Amino acid sequence: MSGEILLDKQAEMVSEEEQGWFGNLEERIRRLLMMFHELKKERDNLTAALDVERGKVVQLEKKLKLLAQDREKVKIRIDQLLHRFGSIDAS
């Protein structure tokens, strides 16, 4: 009988030890899940910020294109005026 009692106590001790292991494992999994959700939230925020910045880039590229067109128009106009002044000198 004392052997049976000893086995029962060992089984209880192993069970408590296993519970400790499972408790540690559960705690680690809980922390990993929290970190995962935080990282996912951060990724979503960064994705949104990237989308905003991409929109700004598109708008700036359009503005740059318009400014380049305006610059070309001004250049042509100045060339025309210089040509007119050149023809005045020739007269």
N, C-alpha and C. Protein backbone atom coordinates (compact mmCIF):
# COMPACT_ATOMS: atom_id res chain seq x y z
N MET A 1 0.82 -1.20 0.00
CA MET A 1 0.00 0.00 0.00
C MET A 1 0.85 1.25 0.00
N SER A 2 1.93 1.20 0.71
CA SER A 2 2.75 2.40 0.74
C SER A 2 3.28 2.69 -0.65
N GLY A 3 3.49 1.65 -1.47
CA GLY A 3 3.93 1.85 -2.84
C GLY A 3 2.87 2.56 -3.66
N GLU A 4 1.63 2.21 -3.42
CA GLU A 4 0.54 2.86 -4.15
C GLU A 4 0.41 4.32 -3.76
N ILE A 5 0.58 4.59 -2.51
CA ILE A 5 0.49 5.97 -2.05
C ILE A 5 1.62 6.78 -2.66
N LEU A 6 2.80 6.18 -2.70
CA LEU A 6 3.95 6.84 -3.28
C LEU A 6 3.70 7.14 -4.76
N LEU A 7 3.14 6.20 -5.48
CA LEU A 7 2.83 6.41 -6.89
C LEU A 7 1.80 7.52 -7.06
N ASP A 8 0.79 7.51 -6.20
CA ASP A 8 -0.22 8.56 -6.28
C ASP A 8 0.39 9.93 -6.03
N LYS A 9 1.30 10.03 -5.07
CA LYS A 9 1.94 11.31 -4.77
C LYS A 9 2.85 11.72 -5.91
N GLN A 10 3.56 10.73 -6.52
CA GLN A 10 4.40 11.04 -7.67
C GLN A 10 3.54 11.50 -8.84
N ALA A 11 2.42 10.86 -9.03
CA ALA A 11 1.51 11.25 -10.11
C ALA A 11 1.01 12.68 -9.87
N GLU A 12 0.71 13.00 -8.61
CA GLU A 12 0.27 14.35 -8.30
C GLU A 12 1.39 15.35 -8.54
N MET A 13 2.62 14.98 -8.18
CA MET A 13 3.76 15.87 -8.38
C MET A 13 4.02 16.09 -9.86
N VAL A 14 3.97 15.01 -10.64
CA VAL A 14 4.16 15.14 -12.08
C VAL A 14 3.05 15.99 -12.66
N SER A 15 1.86 15.77 -12.18
CA SER A 15 0.73 16.53 -12.68
C SER A 15 0.92 18.01 -12.37
N GLU A 16 1.37 18.32 -11.17
CA GLU A 16 1.61 19.72 -10.82
C GLU A 16 2.75 20.30 -11.65
N GLU A 17 3.78 19.50 -11.89
CA GLU A 17 4.90 19.95 -12.71
C GLU A 17 4.45 20.18 -14.15
N GLU A 18 3.65 19.25 -14.65
CA GLU A 18 3.13 19.42 -16.00
C GLU A 18 2.24 20.65 -16.09
N GLN A 19 1.46 20.88 -15.05
CA GLN A 19 0.61 22.07 -15.03
C GLN A 19 1.48 23.33 -15.07
N GLY A 20 2.60 23.29 -14.37
CA GLY A 20 3.52 24.43 -14.41
C GLY A 20 4.06 24.65 -15.81
N TRP A 21 4.41 23.55 -16.47
CA TRP A 21 4.91 23.65 -17.85
C TRP A 21 3.83 24.22 -18.78
N PHE A 22 2.63 23.65 -18.63
CA PHE A 22 1.53 24.14 -19.47
C PHE A 22 1.20 25.59 -19.16
N GLY A 23 1.28 25.95 -17.89
CA GLY A 23 1.04 27.34 -17.51
C GLY A 23 2.06 28.26 -18.15
N ASN A 24 3.34 27.84 -18.10
CA ASN A 24 4.39 28.64 -18.74
C ASN A 24 4.15 28.73 -20.24
N LEU A 25 3.79 27.59 -20.83
CA LEU A 25 3.54 27.56 -22.27
C LEU A 25 2.36 28.46 -22.63
N GLU A 26 1.30 28.38 -21.83
CA GLU A 26 0.13 29.23 -22.08
C GLU A 26 0.49 30.70 -21.96
N GLU A 27 1.30 31.05 -20.96
CA GLU A 27 1.72 32.44 -20.78
C GLU A 27 2.55 32.92 -21.96
N ARG A 28 3.45 32.10 -22.42
CA ARG A 28 4.28 32.46 -23.58
C ARG A 28 3.42 32.65 -24.83
N ILE A 29 2.48 31.75 -25.02
CA ILE A 29 1.58 31.85 -26.17
C ILE A 29 0.75 33.12 -26.07
N ARG A 30 0.26 33.43 -24.87
CA ARG A 30 -0.53 34.65 -24.67
C ARG A 30 0.30 35.88 -25.01
N ARG A 31 1.57 35.92 -24.55
CA ARG A 31 2.44 37.07 -24.86
C ARG A 31 2.74 37.14 -26.36
N LEU A 32 2.98 35.99 -26.98
CA LEU A 32 3.23 35.98 -28.43
C LEU A 32 2.03 36.50 -29.20
N LEU A 33 0.84 36.10 -28.78
CA LEU A 33 -0.38 36.57 -29.45
C LEU A 33 -0.55 38.08 -29.27
N MET A 34 -0.23 38.58 -28.07
CA MET A 34 -0.31 40.03 -27.85
C MET A 34 0.69 40.75 -28.76
N MET A 35 1.91 40.23 -28.83
CA MET A 35 2.92 40.84 -29.69
C MET A 35 2.48 40.77 -31.15
N PHE A 36 1.91 39.65 -31.55
CA PHE A 36 1.43 39.48 -32.92
C PHE A 36 0.38 40.54 -33.25
N HIS A 37 -0.58 40.72 -32.34
CA HIS A 37 -1.63 41.71 -32.58
C HIS A 37 -1.07 43.13 -32.61
N GLU A 38 -0.11 43.43 -31.75
CA GLU A 38 0.53 44.75 -31.75
C GLU A 38 1.27 44.98 -33.07
N LEU A 39 2.01 43.97 -33.51
CA LEU A 39 2.75 44.09 -34.77
C LEU A 39 1.80 44.22 -35.96
N LYS A 40 0.71 43.48 -35.91
CA LYS A 40 -0.28 43.56 -36.98
C LYS A 40 -0.90 44.96 -37.03
N LYS A 41 -1.19 45.51 -35.86
CA LYS A 41 -1.75 46.87 -35.78
C LYS A 41 -0.73 47.88 -36.30
N GLU A 42 0.53 47.72 -35.92
CA GLU A 42 1.58 48.62 -36.40
C GLU A 42 1.74 48.52 -37.91
N ARG A 43 1.69 47.28 -38.43
CA ARG A 43 1.77 47.08 -39.88
C ARG A 43 0.62 47.78 -40.60
N ASP A 44 -0.58 47.66 -40.05
CA ASP A 44 -1.74 48.31 -40.66
C ASP A 44 -1.59 49.83 -40.65
N ASN A 45 -1.08 50.36 -39.54
CA ASN A 45 -0.85 51.81 -39.46
C ASN A 45 0.21 52.25 -40.47
N LEU A 46 1.27 51.47 -40.60
CA LEU A 46 2.32 51.81 -41.55
C LEU A 46 1.82 51.70 -42.99
N THR A 47 0.97 50.72 -43.25
CA THR A 47 0.39 50.56 -44.59
C THR A 47 -0.47 51.77 -44.92
N ALA A 48 -1.26 52.22 -43.96
CA ALA A 48 -2.11 53.39 -44.18
C ALA A 48 -1.24 54.63 -44.43
N ALA A 49 -0.19 54.79 -43.63
CA ALA A 49 0.71 55.93 -43.81
C ALA A 49 1.39 55.87 -45.18
N LEU A 50 1.78 54.68 -45.60
CA LEU A 50 2.40 54.51 -46.91
C LEU A 50 1.43 54.88 -48.03
N ASP A 51 0.18 54.50 -47.88
CA ASP A 51 -0.83 54.86 -48.88
C ASP A 51 -0.99 56.38 -48.98
N VAL A 52 -0.98 57.04 -47.83
CA VAL A 52 -1.08 58.51 -47.82
C VAL A 52 0.12 59.11 -48.54
N GLU A 53 1.30 58.61 -48.23
CA GLU A 53 2.52 59.14 -48.85
C GLU A 53 2.54 58.86 -50.36
N ARG A 54 2.06 57.71 -50.76
CA ARG A 54 1.98 57.41 -52.20
C ARG A 54 1.05 58.39 -52.90
N GLY A 55 -0.05 58.72 -52.24
CA GLY A 55 -0.97 59.70 -52.80
C GLY A 55 -0.30 61.06 -52.96
N LYS A 56 0.49 61.43 -51.95
CA LYS A 56 1.22 62.69 -52.04
C LYS A 56 2.21 62.67 -53.19
N VAL A 57 2.89 61.55 -53.38
CA VAL A 57 3.86 61.43 -54.47
C VAL A 57 3.17 61.60 -55.82
N VAL A 58 2.02 60.97 -55.98
CA VAL A 58 1.27 61.09 -57.24
C VAL A 58 0.89 62.55 -57.48
N GLN A 59 0.43 63.22 -56.43
CA GLN A 59 0.04 64.63 -56.59
C GLN A 59 1.26 65.49 -56.92
N LEU A 60 2.39 65.24 -56.27
CA LEU A 60 3.60 66.01 -56.54
C LEU A 60 4.12 65.75 -57.95
N GLU A 61 4.00 64.51 -58.42
CA GLU A 61 4.42 64.21 -59.80
C GLU A 61 3.55 64.97 -60.80
N LYS A 62 2.26 65.04 -60.54
CA LYS A 62 1.36 65.80 -61.43
C LYS A 62 1.73 67.28 -61.41
N LYS A 63 2.00 67.80 -60.21
CA LYS A 63 2.37 69.21 -60.09
C LYS A 63 3.68 69.48 -60.81
N LEU A 64 4.64 68.57 -60.68
CA LEU A 64 5.93 68.71 -61.36
C LEU A 64 5.75 68.70 -62.87
N LYS A 65 4.89 67.85 -63.36
CA LYS A 65 4.63 67.80 -64.79
C LYS A 65 4.01 69.11 -65.28
N LEU A 66 3.05 69.65 -64.52
CA LEU A 66 2.44 70.93 -64.89
C LEU A 66 3.46 72.06 -64.87
N LEU A 67 4.31 72.06 -63.85
CA LEU A 67 5.34 73.10 -63.77
C LEU A 67 6.33 72.99 -64.94
N ALA A 68 6.67 71.77 -65.33
CA ALA A 68 7.57 71.58 -66.47
C ALA A 68 6.91 72.09 -67.75
N GLN A 69 5.61 71.84 -67.90
CA GLN A 69 4.89 72.33 -69.07
C GLN A 69 4.85 73.86 -69.07
N ASP A 70 4.59 74.44 -67.90
CA ASP A 70 4.58 75.91 -67.80
C ASP A 70 5.95 76.47 -68.13
N ARG A 71 6.99 75.84 -67.62
CA ARG A 71 8.35 76.29 -67.89
C ARG A 71 8.65 76.26 -69.39
N GLU A 72 8.22 75.19 -70.04
CA GLU A 72 8.44 75.07 -71.49
C GLU A 72 7.68 76.17 -72.24
N LYS A 73 6.45 76.46 -71.81
CA LYS A 73 5.67 77.53 -72.46
C LYS A 73 6.38 78.88 -72.28
N VAL A 74 6.89 79.13 -71.08
CA VAL A 74 7.60 80.39 -70.83
C VAL A 74 8.85 80.46 -71.68
N LYS A 75 9.56 79.36 -71.79
CA LYS A 75 10.77 79.33 -72.61
C LYS A 75 10.45 79.65 -74.07
N ILE A 76 9.41 79.05 -74.60
CA ILE A 76 9.00 79.31 -75.99
C ILE A 76 8.61 80.78 -76.16
N ARG A 77 7.88 81.31 -75.20
CA ARG A 77 7.45 82.72 -75.28
C ARG A 77 8.66 83.65 -75.26
N ILE A 78 9.63 83.37 -74.37
CA ILE A 78 10.84 84.20 -74.31
C ILE A 78 11.62 84.11 -75.63
N ASP A 79 11.73 82.89 -76.18
CA ASP A 79 12.41 82.73 -77.47
C ASP A 79 11.72 83.55 -78.56
N GLN A 80 10.38 83.55 -78.55
CA GLN A 80 9.63 84.33 -79.54
C GLN A 80 9.89 85.83 -79.36
N LEU A 81 9.90 86.28 -78.12
CA LEU A 81 10.16 87.70 -77.86
C LEU A 81 11.58 88.07 -78.28
N LEU A 82 12.55 87.23 -77.97
CA LEU A 82 13.92 87.50 -78.39
C LEU A 82 14.05 87.54 -79.90
N HIS A 83 13.34 86.66 -80.56
CA HIS A 83 13.34 86.64 -82.02
C HIS A 83 12.74 87.94 -82.58
N ARG A 84 11.68 88.42 -81.93
CA ARG A 84 11.07 89.68 -82.36
C ARG A 84 12.03 90.85 -82.15
N PHE A 85 12.73 90.86 -81.03
CA PHE A 85 13.72 91.90 -80.80
C PHE A 85 14.85 91.82 -81.81
N GLY A 86 15.22 90.60 -82.15
CA GLY A 86 16.26 90.43 -83.16
C GLY A 86 15.82 90.96 -84.51
N SER A 87 14.55 90.81 -84.83
CA SER A 87 14.06 91.31 -86.12
C SER A 87 13.96 92.82 -86.11
N ILE A 88 13.77 93.44 -84.94
CA ILE A 88 13.74 94.91 -84.85
C ILE A 88 15.10 95.47 -85.15
N ASP A 89 16.13 94.86 -84.61
CA ASP A 89 17.51 95.30 -84.87
C ASP A 89 17.86 95.18 -86.33
N ALA A 90 17.34 94.17 -86.99
CA ALA A 90 17.66 93.94 -88.41
C ALA A 90 16.98 94.98 -89.31
N SER A 91 15.90 95.59 -88.80
CA SER A 91 15.17 96.55 -89.66
C SER A 91 15.81 97.86 -89.79
